[in-house]
Protein backbone atom coordinates (compact mmCIF):
# COMPACT_ATOMS: atom_id res chain seq x y z
CA UNK A 1 -37.12 -13.78 19.39
CA UNK A 2 -40.52 -15.45 19.65
CA UNK A 3 -42.53 -12.85 21.66
CA UNK A 4 -44.74 -15.65 22.98
CA UNK A 5 -44.56 -15.50 26.75
CA UNK A 6 -42.81 -13.79 29.61
CA UNK A 7 -41.78 -15.96 32.55
CA UNK A 8 -40.22 -14.89 35.82
CA UNK A 9 -39.49 -16.65 39.13
CA UNK A 10 -38.74 -15.01 42.43
CA UNK A 11 -38.40 -16.27 45.97
CA UNK A 12 -40.44 -14.47 48.61
CA UNK A 13 -39.76 -14.85 52.33
CA UNK A 14 -43.38 -15.43 53.33
CA UNK A 15 -45.93 -18.21 53.20
CA UNK A 16 -47.93 -18.88 50.03
CA UNK A 17 -51.01 -17.58 51.86
CA UNK A 18 -49.37 -14.17 52.39
CA UNK A 19 -47.97 -14.01 48.86
CA UNK A 20 -51.37 -14.98 47.40
CA UNK A 21 -52.97 -12.00 49.16
CA UNK A 22 -50.24 -9.71 47.81
CA UNK A 23 -50.81 -10.77 44.17
CA UNK A 24 -54.61 -10.92 44.32
CA UNK A 25 -56.00 -8.06 46.42
CA UNK A 26 -56.19 -4.38 45.47
CA UNK A 27 -54.71 -3.00 48.68
CA UNK A 28 -51.58 -5.13 48.27
CA UNK A 29 -51.28 -4.86 44.49
CA UNK A 30 -51.08 -1.07 44.92
CA UNK A 31 -48.05 -1.58 47.17
CA UNK A 32 -45.80 -3.01 44.47
CA UNK A 33 -47.40 -2.79 41.01
CA UNK A 34 -50.14 -0.44 39.75
CA UNK A 35 -50.93 2.96 41.18
CA UNK A 36 -54.50 1.79 41.73
CA UNK A 37 -56.39 -1.49 41.52
CA UNK A 38 -60.06 -2.30 41.67
CA UNK A 39 -60.93 -5.98 41.59
CA UNK A 40 -62.46 -8.79 43.52
CA UNK A 41 -60.28 -11.93 43.45
CA UNK A 42 -63.00 -14.35 42.33
CA UNK A 43 -63.29 -16.08 38.93
CA UNK A 44 -65.32 -14.05 36.46
CA UNK A 45 -64.99 -10.78 38.38
CA UNK A 46 -63.97 -7.75 36.36
CA UNK A 47 -61.97 -4.76 37.50
CA UNK A 48 -59.19 -2.39 36.54
CA UNK A 49 -55.52 -1.68 37.07
CA UNK A 50 -54.49 1.98 36.78
CA UNK A 51 -50.98 3.16 36.03
CA UNK A 52 -50.50 6.86 36.75
CA UNK A 53 -52.92 9.35 38.28
CA UNK A 54 -56.40 8.01 37.50
CA UNK A 55 -57.75 11.55 37.18
CA UNK A 56 -55.17 12.46 34.53
CA UNK A 57 -55.74 11.89 30.79
CA UNK A 58 -52.22 10.40 30.74
CA UNK A 59 -53.22 7.53 33.05
CA UNK A 60 -53.40 4.02 31.63
CA UNK A 61 -56.49 2.19 32.85
CA UNK A 62 -56.48 -1.51 32.01
CA UNK A 63 -59.64 -3.59 32.35
CA UNK A 64 -59.11 -7.10 33.72
CA UNK A 65 -61.11 -10.27 34.24
CA UNK A 66 -60.17 -12.79 36.92
CA UNK A 67 -59.79 -16.27 35.41
CA UNK A 68 -58.65 -18.42 38.32
CA UNK A 69 -58.50 -17.85 42.06
CA UNK A 70 -57.20 -20.92 43.89
CA UNK A 71 -55.69 -19.72 47.19
CA UNK A 72 -52.87 -20.12 48.03
CA UNK A 73 -51.69 -21.81 44.82
CA UNK A 74 -52.72 -19.81 41.76
CA UNK A 75 -54.19 -16.49 40.74
CA UNK A 76 -54.69 -15.54 37.10
CA UNK A 77 -56.42 -12.85 35.12
CA UNK A 78 -56.79 -11.55 31.58
CA UNK A 79 -55.95 -7.95 30.76
CA UNK A 80 -54.92 -5.70 27.84
CA UNK A 81 -58.23 -5.91 26.02
CA UNK A 82 -60.60 -3.24 24.77
CA UNK A 83 -63.05 -1.89 27.29
CA UNK A 84 -66.49 -3.30 26.58
CA UNK A 85 -65.12 -6.57 25.19
CA UNK A 86 -65.29 -9.88 27.02
CA UNK A 87 -61.75 -11.05 27.72
CA UNK A 88 -60.88 -14.19 25.76
CA UNK A 89 -57.83 -16.01 24.44
CA UNK A 90 -57.60 -14.03 21.18
CA UNK A 91 -58.17 -10.51 22.51
CA UNK A 92 -56.24 -10.31 25.79
CA UNK A 93 -53.12 -11.30 27.67
CA UNK A 94 -53.17 -13.84 30.50
CA UNK A 95 -51.13 -13.32 33.67
CA UNK A 96 -50.73 -16.32 35.97
CA UNK A 97 -49.12 -16.28 39.40
CA UNK A 98 -48.27 -19.82 40.57
CA UNK A 99 -47.16 -20.13 44.20
CA UNK A 100 -45.15 -23.07 45.51
CA UNK A 101 -44.07 -23.52 49.12
CA UNK A 102 -40.26 -23.44 49.27
CA UNK A 103 -38.81 -23.94 52.74
CA UNK A 104 -40.02 -21.10 54.94
CA UNK A 105 -40.95 -19.02 51.89
CA UNK A 106 -42.65 -19.16 48.52
CA UNK A 107 -41.45 -19.61 44.96
CA UNK A 108 -43.58 -17.31 42.82
CA UNK A 109 -43.75 -18.11 39.12
CA UNK A 110 -45.27 -15.37 36.98
CA UNK A 111 -46.20 -16.07 33.38
CA UNK A 112 -47.75 -13.68 30.88
CA UNK A 113 -48.99 -15.20 27.63
CA UNK A 114 -51.17 -14.35 24.66
CA UNK A 115 -48.97 -11.90 22.77
CA UNK A 116 -48.94 -13.81 19.45
CA UNK A 117 -52.62 -14.72 19.82
CA UNK A 118 -53.59 -11.04 19.77
CA UNK A 119 -52.91 -10.95 16.03
CA UNK A 120 -50.87 -7.76 16.28
CA UNK A 121 -48.68 -6.92 13.29
CA UNK A 122 -45.00 -7.65 13.87
CA UNK A 123 -43.83 -4.19 14.97
CA UNK A 124 -46.70 -3.74 17.46
CA UNK A 125 -46.22 -7.28 18.79
CA UNK A 126 -42.53 -6.60 19.42
CA UNK A 127 -43.28 -3.21 21.00
CA UNK A 128 -45.96 -4.61 23.33
CA UNK A 129 -43.84 -7.62 24.29
CA UNK A 130 -40.78 -5.47 25.05
CA UNK A 131 -42.91 -2.99 27.01
CA UNK A 132 -44.25 -5.81 29.20
CA UNK A 133 -40.77 -7.33 29.67
CA UNK A 134 -39.54 -3.92 30.86
CA UNK A 135 -42.56 -3.57 33.12
CA UNK A 136 -42.07 -6.94 34.78
CA UNK A 137 -38.33 -6.29 35.14
CA UNK A 138 -39.23 -3.12 37.04
CA UNK A 139 -42.29 -4.17 39.06
CA UNK A 140 -41.76 -7.82 40.00
CA UNK A 141 -38.55 -7.17 42.00
CA UNK A 142 -40.62 -4.76 44.14
CA UNK A 143 -42.87 -7.60 45.35
CA UNK A 144 -40.46 -9.38 47.76
CA UNK A 145 -39.41 -6.17 49.60
CA UNK A 146 -43.07 -5.15 49.85
CA UNK A 147 -43.92 -8.52 51.42
CA UNK A 148 -40.90 -8.27 53.75
CA UNK A 149 -42.34 -5.01 55.08
CA UNK A 150 -45.65 -6.77 55.78
CA UNK A 151 -44.23 -9.73 57.66
CA UNK A 152 -41.63 -7.95 59.78
CA UNK A 153 -42.27 -8.23 63.46
CA UNK A 154 -41.70 -5.20 65.70
């Protein structure tokens, strides 16, 4: 196994504009992915994603830096880097959400890269990669139902 990138595609029954908001704004991210999010979806902005109760010592708080914000086509950010560092290719992972209009909905392509570039020793690289694969396998399928709840008409 190469542990280089994670790629997923899902179809979402909503326009790219709606899906873009769901993958790029804190109030919508909280609906399907982290327990809390604090970010502004503009290039260069920094923020955090929190998994677990943010007041608990067991919470995981991940700094992030927005790389690209091109509504409604692409949103990307770097994360999994040490707090106080400036996110760059060798010290962080890059998540990219590409959105393509597909009929009445959107094809969302998620890619996470940068695992090998981190320079982790083999066991840590494999552990981190597998942890992120499991995470995406759990969280990404929650996105389409979350969006469906937003776009339902009464």
